[in-house]
Amino acid sequence: LERYAGVQGGHFITSMVVYDDLDQLSVQLSANLLQQGRVAEAERHARHAVKQAFTYRTSSKRFTARTAQLLVQLAAVYLELDRLDDAEYLARLAITMHAIDCALPDSLTFIRARQVLAHVLAAQNDWQGVLDQVDQARSALAQDPAAFTRFFGTNVEWALALIHTGKAVEGLRRLKAALAQTLERNGADSYEAAEVRGLLATGLAAVGNKAAALPEFSQALSALVARRDELTGMADQATRSARVHSIIDSYMKLLTNVHDTPTVTRLNIDTAAELLTAASLRYTGTVQSALIASATRAAARHPRLAQLVRRDQDLAQQITTTLDTLAYLDLAPPDQVDSSAVLGLRRRIAPIRAKKIELARQIRRRFPEYAEVMNPTPPGVD
């Protein structure tokens, strides 16, 4: 994709047909790069496609559903860059463009725009806004519930929005279902399972169920610390980091409120140790994002380290691709799914994870300074 876009880039405007093909190619390339955690490159290609659209298309052709697709991809990139105001503006503009172009409400590009906007609003804690987008998508896809499930069925932010807007029973039910699905698909010791468990704990705490929330938080935090190396190179790394920060903040607030209470004593939770671990993980995660860029530049100057980092990114991409495929197959009609193929995909995950963990250990052993910048070790109570 990169080679094709690079070679053809100088010929965008010789033919509108060629250009229309290339703008879609740029969107696909940007999406692929974003999946690989190559956010700066993803932004460059998305911005280029948008610039070309507004430069070379006539005014009547600019505000169309096709142009809106370009804006949605750039909004997804800005979400990963934590440029939330810009992401919201572009996502809302894309929705408006679909309406101007008289796009059908159930068109998948229209629904994708709502999905991205829902992600942005969740990052801004605008929970009612999240529900509004989900409800409009559900209404539009009333005749195609499978498509709605594909876009929103496993969306944990929808569940959190339900909890924060007074619909706790349904929200907790969805979070528990998401955890069960993640445990089955990713494994009990996966980073993804720890993240969803932390979100479930956040939901339980939000409705006042402290006794149920504390052990879930504790288990999630331990797994997030143990699996922190897996976050590097993941797709939507920044979004996941922000989600983990939210989990940690909720846990710290709960620990502060229940310190020295009978509930803590009964559950045998060391609040001081848990607070220190949570605070250090929260702090190192914040500082880490400011240091990753310089560490990455250092890796580029060291050929052997750069090779190991690239292998780590490739393994992360293999895991992401496999999990995305499994998620898609989970939503397909049973008679269209080869169960042996699904089993084969599930069996692929553990060996890839093992290789990634071993590679992380190798990097930490051979390049400890780089590893400590990328994944700092939280201090203990002592």
Protein backbone atom coordinates (compact mmCIF):
# COMPACT_ATOMS: atom_id res chain seq x y z
CA LEU A 1 0.00 0.00 0.00
CA GLU A 2 2.78 2.43 0.93
CA ARG A 3 4.69 1.76 -2.31
CA TYR A 4 1.57 2.16 -4.45
CA ALA A 5 0.51 5.38 -2.74
CA GLY A 6 4.03 6.75 -3.00
CA VAL A 7 4.41 5.97 -6.70
CA GLN A 8 0.97 7.22 -7.65
CA GLY A 9 0.90 10.20 -5.33
CA GLY A 10 2.11 12.58 -8.03
CA HIS A 11 -0.74 11.60 -10.35
CA PHE A 12 -3.70 12.13 -8.04
CA ILE A 13 -5.47 14.74 -10.16
CA THR A 14 -4.95 13.34 -13.65
CA SER A 15 -8.18 11.43 -13.26
CA MET A 16 -10.91 11.73 -10.65
CA VAL A 17 -11.42 7.97 -10.90
CA VAL A 18 -7.74 7.42 -10.08
CA TYR A 19 -7.99 9.94 -7.26
CA ASP A 20 -11.08 8.31 -5.77
CA ASP A 21 -9.23 5.01 -5.75
CA LEU A 22 -6.20 6.60 -4.14
CA ASP A 23 -8.07 8.44 -1.41
CA GLN A 24 -9.60 5.14 -0.34
CA LEU A 25 -6.15 3.58 -0.53
CA SER A 26 -4.83 6.31 1.76
CA VAL A 27 -7.63 5.63 4.24
CA GLN A 28 -6.85 1.89 4.23
CA LEU A 29 -3.15 2.57 4.60
CA SER A 30 -3.76 4.97 7.49
CA ALA A 31 -6.03 2.43 9.20
CA ASN A 32 -3.43 -0.33 8.79
CA LEU A 33 -0.67 1.88 10.18
CA LEU A 34 -2.88 2.84 13.12
CA GLN A 35 -3.48 -0.87 13.82
CA GLN A 36 0.30 -1.33 13.94
CA GLY A 37 0.73 1.53 16.42
CA ARG A 38 2.46 3.71 13.78
CA VAL A 39 0.36 6.73 14.65
CA ALA A 40 2.52 9.49 13.15
CA GLU A 41 2.55 7.75 9.77
CA ALA A 42 -1.18 7.07 10.01
CA GLU A 43 -1.79 10.76 10.63
CA ARG A 44 0.39 11.78 7.68
CA HIS A 45 -1.54 9.63 5.20
CA ALA A 46 -4.96 10.58 6.59
CA ARG A 47 -4.14 14.30 6.55
CA HIS A 48 -2.80 14.03 3.01
CA ALA A 49 -6.01 12.40 1.78
CA VAL A 50 -8.16 15.08 3.42
CA LYS A 51 -5.99 17.87 2.02
CA GLN A 52 -6.20 16.42 -1.48
CA ALA A 53 -9.98 16.10 -1.22
CA PHE A 54 -10.51 19.72 -0.23
CA THR A 55 -7.91 21.03 -2.67
CA TYR A 56 -8.88 19.27 -5.87
CA ARG A 57 -12.56 18.47 -5.53
CA THR A 58 -15.14 21.02 -6.58
CA SER A 59 -17.24 22.54 -3.82
CA SER A 60 -20.19 20.33 -4.77
CA LYS A 61 -18.03 17.21 -4.37
CA ARG A 62 -16.35 18.11 -1.09
CA PHE A 63 -19.20 17.63 1.35
CA THR A 64 -20.06 14.06 0.45
CA ALA A 65 -20.13 10.71 2.19
CA ARG A 66 -16.93 9.78 0.37
CA THR A 67 -15.06 12.76 1.80
CA ALA A 68 -16.62 12.01 5.18
CA GLN A 69 -14.81 8.63 5.23
CA LEU A 70 -11.50 10.49 5.07
CA LEU A 71 -12.49 12.71 8.00
CA VAL A 72 -13.57 9.72 10.07
CA GLN A 73 -10.16 8.09 9.66
CA LEU A 74 -8.38 11.30 10.62
CA ALA A 75 -10.70 11.59 13.63
CA ALA A 76 -9.71 8.05 14.67
CA VAL A 77 -6.04 9.06 14.45
CA TYR A 78 -6.64 12.21 16.48
CA LEU A 79 -8.40 10.13 19.11
CA GLU A 80 -5.26 8.02 19.46
CA LEU A 81 -3.20 11.22 19.70
CA ASP A 82 -5.51 12.47 22.49
CA ARG A 83 -6.56 15.46 20.38
CA LEU A 84 -10.11 14.96 21.49
CA ASP A 85 -11.58 18.33 20.47
CA ASP A 86 -10.23 17.92 16.93
CA ALA A 87 -11.43 14.31 16.79
CA GLU A 88 -14.94 15.29 17.92
CA TYR A 89 -15.12 18.14 15.40
CA LEU A 90 -14.10 15.90 12.50
CA ALA A 91 -16.42 13.05 13.51
CA ARG A 92 -19.40 15.40 13.82
CA LEU A 93 -18.51 17.04 10.51
CA ALA A 94 -18.41 13.61 8.88
CA ILE A 95 -21.88 12.82 10.22
CA THR A 96 -23.13 16.14 8.84
CA MET A 97 -21.57 15.37 5.45
CA HIS A 98 -23.39 12.05 5.31
CA ALA A 99 -26.65 13.87 5.96
CA ILE A 100 -25.89 16.54 3.31
CA ASP A 101 -25.11 13.82 0.80
CA CYS A 102 -28.42 12.10 1.66
CA ALA A 103 -26.55 8.94 2.67
CA LEU A 104 -28.78 6.20 4.02
CA PRO A 105 -28.73 6.18 7.84
CA ASP A 106 -27.84 2.48 7.81
CA SER A 107 -24.84 2.86 5.49
CA LEU A 108 -21.84 1.33 7.19
CA THR A 109 -19.67 4.41 6.64
CA PHE A 110 -22.34 6.49 8.39
CA ILE A 111 -22.39 4.01 11.28
CA ARG A 112 -18.58 4.02 11.42
CA ALA A 113 -18.67 7.80 11.90
CA ARG A 114 -21.05 7.36 14.83
CA GLN A 115 -18.83 4.65 16.27
CA VAL A 116 -15.74 6.88 16.21
CA LEU A 117 -17.69 9.78 17.70
CA ALA A 118 -18.92 7.49 20.49
CA HIS A 119 -15.29 6.55 21.27
CA VAL A 120 -14.32 10.23 21.41
CA LEU A 121 -17.25 11.15 23.66
CA ALA A 122 -16.37 8.28 26.00
CA ALA A 123 -12.83 9.64 26.27
CA GLN A 124 -14.40 12.97 27.27
CA ASN A 125 -16.69 11.25 29.81
CA ASP A 126 -19.74 12.47 27.88
CA TRP A 127 -21.72 9.33 28.67
CA GLN A 128 -25.08 10.65 27.53
CA GLY A 129 -23.47 11.57 24.23
CA VAL A 130 -22.21 8.00 23.87
CA LEU A 131 -25.72 6.64 24.42
CA ASP A 132 -27.15 9.08 21.87
CA GLN A 133 -24.78 7.81 19.16
CA VAL A 134 -25.39 4.16 20.04
CA ASP A 135 -29.16 4.66 20.06
CA GLN A 136 -29.10 6.37 16.65
CA ALA A 137 -26.94 3.59 15.22
CA ARG A 138 -29.24 0.93 16.69
CA SER A 139 -32.29 2.63 15.22
CA ALA A 140 -30.63 2.91 11.81
CA LEU A 141 -29.63 -0.77 11.85
CA ALA A 142 -32.92 -2.08 13.22
CA GLN A 143 -33.25 -4.33 10.15
CA ASP A 144 -29.64 -5.54 10.43
CA PRO A 145 -28.95 -6.41 14.08
CA ALA A 146 -25.84 -8.42 13.11
CA ALA A 147 -24.24 -5.27 11.72
CA PHE A 148 -25.11 -3.34 14.87
CA THR A 149 -23.55 -6.09 16.99
CA ARG A 150 -20.44 -5.99 14.84
CA PHE A 151 -20.02 -2.26 15.53
CA PHE A 152 -21.21 -1.99 19.13
CA GLY A 153 -21.88 -5.45 20.56
CA THR A 154 -18.62 -5.70 22.54
CA ASN A 155 -18.22 -1.97 23.14
CA VAL A 156 -17.30 -1.61 26.83
CA GLU A 157 -17.74 2.16 26.63
CA TRP A 158 -21.42 1.63 25.86
CA ALA A 159 -21.68 -0.46 29.02
CA LEU A 160 -19.95 2.25 31.07
CA ALA A 161 -22.24 4.87 29.57
CA LEU A 162 -25.25 2.85 30.70
CA ILE A 163 -23.85 2.65 34.23
CA HIS A 164 -23.07 6.37 34.42
CA THR A 165 -26.54 7.34 33.18
CA GLY A 166 -28.52 5.31 35.70
CA LYS A 167 -28.89 2.06 33.76
CA ALA A 168 -26.53 0.06 35.97
CA VAL A 169 -28.19 -3.34 35.66
CA GLU A 170 -27.90 -3.43 31.87
CA GLY A 171 -24.44 -1.87 31.93
CA LEU A 172 -23.05 -4.41 34.40
CA ARG A 173 -24.66 -7.24 32.44
CA ARG A 174 -22.85 -6.09 29.31
CA LEU A 175 -19.52 -5.74 31.12
CA LYS A 176 -19.82 -9.23 32.60
CA ALA A 177 -20.65 -10.61 29.15
CA ALA A 178 -17.68 -8.73 27.67
CA LEU A 179 -15.38 -10.18 30.34
CA ALA A 180 -16.62 -13.72 29.72
CA GLN A 181 -16.10 -13.29 25.98
CA THR A 182 -12.62 -11.82 26.47
CA LEU A 183 -11.60 -14.62 28.83
CA GLU A 184 -12.70 -17.20 26.27
CA ARG A 185 -11.11 -15.48 23.28
CA ASN A 186 -7.92 -14.00 24.79
CA GLY A 187 -7.26 -16.11 27.87
CA ALA A 188 -7.47 -15.42 31.59
CA ASP A 189 -3.94 -14.05 31.82
CA SER A 190 -4.19 -11.66 28.86
CA TYR A 191 -3.82 -7.90 29.02
CA GLU A 192 -7.23 -7.51 27.39
CA ALA A 193 -8.92 -9.59 30.09
CA ALA A 194 -7.26 -7.50 32.81
CA GLU A 195 -8.48 -4.31 31.16
CA VAL A 196 -12.09 -5.49 30.90
CA ARG A 197 -11.96 -6.79 34.48
CA GLY A 198 -10.80 -3.34 35.58
CA LEU A 199 -13.70 -1.73 33.73
CA LEU A 200 -16.12 -4.14 35.39
CA ALA A 201 -14.65 -3.15 38.76
CA THR A 202 -15.11 0.51 37.82
CA GLY A 203 -18.76 -0.17 37.06
CA LEU A 204 -19.28 -2.03 40.34
CA ALA A 205 -17.68 0.83 42.25
CA ALA A 206 -19.85 3.37 40.43
CA VAL A 207 -23.02 1.67 41.70
CA GLY A 208 -21.67 1.38 45.25
CA ASN A 209 -20.90 -2.36 45.29
CA LYS A 210 -17.54 -1.91 47.05
CA ALA A 211 -17.20 -5.49 48.27
CA ALA A 212 -17.49 -6.83 44.73
CA ALA A 213 -15.37 -4.10 43.15
CA LEU A 214 -12.29 -4.40 45.42
CA PRO A 215 -11.19 -7.95 44.50
CA GLU A 216 -11.87 -7.30 40.82
CA PHE A 217 -9.75 -4.14 40.96
CA SER A 218 -6.96 -5.93 42.82
CA GLN A 219 -6.87 -8.81 40.35
CA ALA A 220 -6.98 -6.46 37.37
CA LEU A 221 -4.20 -4.25 38.73
CA SER A 222 -1.89 -7.21 39.37
CA ALA A 223 -2.42 -8.45 35.81
CA LEU A 224 -1.96 -5.00 34.29
CA VAL A 225 1.37 -4.63 36.10
CA ALA A 226 2.50 -8.11 35.08
CA ARG A 227 1.41 -7.63 31.46
CA ARG A 228 2.44 -4.01 30.98
CA ASP A 229 5.04 -5.03 28.35
CA GLU A 230 2.21 -6.23 26.09
CA LEU A 231 0.82 -2.71 25.76
CA THR A 232 3.82 -1.57 23.73
CA GLY A 233 3.08 -1.91 20.03
CA MET A 234 -0.62 -2.61 20.53
CA ALA A 235 -3.15 -0.99 18.27
CA ASP A 236 -4.86 2.00 20.01
CA GLN A 237 -2.09 2.02 22.61
CA ALA A 238 -2.80 5.59 23.73
CA THR A 239 -6.54 4.91 24.05
CA ARG A 240 -5.86 1.81 26.10
CA SER A 241 -3.43 3.73 28.31
CA ALA A 242 -6.07 6.39 28.97
CA ARG A 243 -8.58 3.63 29.79
CA VAL A 244 -6.14 2.08 32.27
CA HIS A 245 -5.56 5.49 33.87
CA SER A 246 -9.32 5.77 34.36
CA ILE A 247 -9.40 2.31 35.98
CA ILE A 248 -6.53 3.22 38.31
CA ASP A 249 -8.14 6.54 39.28
CA SER A 250 -11.37 4.75 40.17
CA TYR A 251 -9.48 2.15 42.21
CA MET A 252 -7.49 4.78 44.11
CA LYS A 253 -10.67 6.69 44.93
CA LEU A 254 -12.31 3.50 46.21
CA LEU A 255 -9.25 2.52 48.28
CA THR A 256 -9.21 5.95 49.89
CA ASN A 257 -12.90 5.69 50.80
CA VAL A 258 -12.72 2.19 52.30
CA HIS A 259 -9.38 2.46 54.13
CA ASP A 260 -9.57 0.85 57.61
CA THR A 261 -13.15 -0.33 57.12
CA PRO A 262 -14.50 -3.82 57.95
CA THR A 263 -14.87 -4.53 54.22
CA VAL A 264 -11.13 -4.20 53.65
CA THR A 265 -10.35 -6.30 56.70
CA ARG A 266 -12.71 -9.05 55.61
CA LEU A 267 -11.26 -9.13 52.10
CA ASN A 268 -7.69 -9.02 53.44
CA ILE A 269 -6.63 -6.16 51.16
CA ASP A 270 -3.54 -4.12 52.02
CA THR A 271 -4.80 -0.68 51.03
CA ALA A 272 -1.43 1.02 51.54
CA ALA A 273 0.34 -1.43 49.22
CA GLU A 274 -2.43 -1.28 46.65
CA LEU A 275 -2.48 2.52 46.68
CA LEU A 276 1.29 2.68 46.18
CA THR A 277 1.20 0.21 43.29
CA ALA A 278 -1.73 2.01 41.67
CA ALA A 279 -0.20 5.46 42.14
CA SER A 280 3.18 4.40 40.76
CA LEU A 281 1.59 2.70 37.75
CA ARG A 282 -0.50 5.81 37.11
CA TYR A 283 2.52 8.08 37.39
CA THR A 284 4.89 6.00 35.30
CA GLY A 285 2.24 5.65 32.62
CA THR A 286 1.87 9.43 32.41
CA VAL A 287 5.59 10.13 32.33
CA GLN A 288 6.22 7.21 30.00
CA SER A 289 4.26 8.71 27.13
CA ALA A 290 6.57 11.75 27.18
CA LEU A 291 9.67 9.56 27.00
CA ILE A 292 8.64 6.98 24.42
CA ALA A 293 9.43 9.26 21.48
CA SER A 294 13.05 9.78 22.56
CA ALA A 295 13.45 6.08 23.36
CA THR A 296 12.14 5.18 19.91
CA ARG A 297 14.63 7.54 18.30
CA ALA A 298 17.40 5.90 20.33
CA ALA A 299 16.27 2.49 19.10
CA ALA A 300 16.46 3.68 15.51
CA ARG A 301 20.14 4.58 16.05
CA HIS A 302 20.94 1.09 17.38
CA PRO A 303 20.42 -1.51 14.61
CA ARG A 304 20.13 -4.54 16.89
CA LEU A 305 17.66 -2.85 19.23
CA ALA A 306 15.67 -1.54 16.27
CA GLN A 307 15.45 -5.11 14.94
CA LEU A 308 14.15 -6.41 18.26
CA VAL A 309 11.62 -3.59 18.54
CA ARG A 310 10.36 -4.29 15.03
CA ARG A 311 9.96 -7.99 15.89
CA ASP A 312 8.03 -6.99 19.01
CA GLN A 313 5.72 -4.79 16.92
CA ASP A 314 5.22 -7.59 14.39
CA LEU A 315 4.22 -10.01 17.15
CA ALA A 316 1.83 -7.43 18.61
CA GLN A 317 0.27 -7.01 15.17
CA GLN A 318 -0.11 -10.80 14.79
CA ILE A 319 -1.97 -10.93 18.10
CA THR A 320 -4.20 -7.99 17.13
CA THR A 321 -5.00 -9.49 13.73
CA THR A 322 -5.81 -12.89 15.20
CA LEU A 323 -8.05 -11.42 17.90
CA ASP A 324 -9.83 -9.18 15.38
CA THR A 325 -10.45 -12.22 13.18
CA LEU A 326 -11.85 -14.19 16.10
CA ALA A 327 -14.08 -11.27 17.07
CA TYR A 328 -15.45 -11.16 13.52
CA LEU A 329 -16.04 -14.93 13.48
CA ASP A 330 -17.84 -14.73 16.83
CA LEU A 331 -20.44 -12.53 15.14
CA ALA A 332 -20.84 -14.63 11.99
CA PRO A 333 -23.70 -17.13 11.60
CA PRO A 334 -22.63 -20.53 13.02
CA ASP A 335 -23.30 -22.34 9.75
CA GLN A 336 -20.78 -20.07 8.03
CA VAL A 337 -17.94 -20.66 10.49
CA ASP A 338 -15.41 -23.49 10.34
CA SER A 339 -15.04 -24.54 13.97
CA SER A 340 -11.68 -26.17 13.31
CA ALA A 341 -10.40 -22.89 11.86
CA VAL A 342 -11.60 -21.01 14.94
CA LEU A 343 -9.88 -23.53 17.19
CA GLY A 344 -6.69 -23.15 15.16
CA LEU A 345 -6.79 -19.37 15.56
CA ARG A 346 -7.31 -19.67 19.31
CA ARG A 347 -4.33 -22.00 19.56
CA ARG A 348 -2.15 -19.49 17.74
CA ILE A 349 -2.52 -16.81 20.41
CA ALA A 350 -0.69 -18.42 23.34
CA PRO A 351 2.54 -19.22 21.41
CA ILE A 352 2.66 -15.71 19.95
CA ARG A 353 2.14 -14.20 23.40
CA ALA A 354 4.90 -16.42 24.77
CA LYS A 355 7.28 -15.23 22.05
CA LYS A 356 6.37 -11.60 22.76
CA ILE A 357 6.95 -12.03 26.49
CA GLU A 358 10.30 -13.72 25.88
CA LEU A 359 11.29 -10.98 23.45
CA ALA A 360 10.37 -8.33 26.04
CA ARG A 361 12.59 -10.13 28.55
CA GLN A 362 15.40 -10.22 26.02
CA ILE A 363 15.07 -6.49 25.36
CA ARG A 364 15.00 -5.76 29.09
CA ARG A 365 18.07 -7.93 29.63
CA ARG A 366 20.14 -6.57 26.73
CA PHE A 367 18.87 -2.98 26.67
CA PRO A 368 17.69 -2.28 30.24
CA GLU A 369 17.62 1.51 29.92
CA TYR A 370 15.36 1.39 26.86
CA ALA A 371 13.10 -1.21 28.51
CA GLU A 372 12.79 0.83 31.68
CA VAL A 373 11.74 3.92 29.71
CA MET A 374 9.17 1.99 27.68
CA ASN A 375 7.82 -0.09 30.59
CA PRO A 376 8.95 1.22 33.98
CA THR A 377 8.86 -1.22 36.92
CA PRO A 378 6.42 0.07 39.57
CA PRO A 379 8.01 0.24 43.03
CA GLY A 380 6.89 -1.98 45.86
CA VAL A 381 5.82 -0.99 49.35
CA ASP A 382 9.39 -1.32 50.63
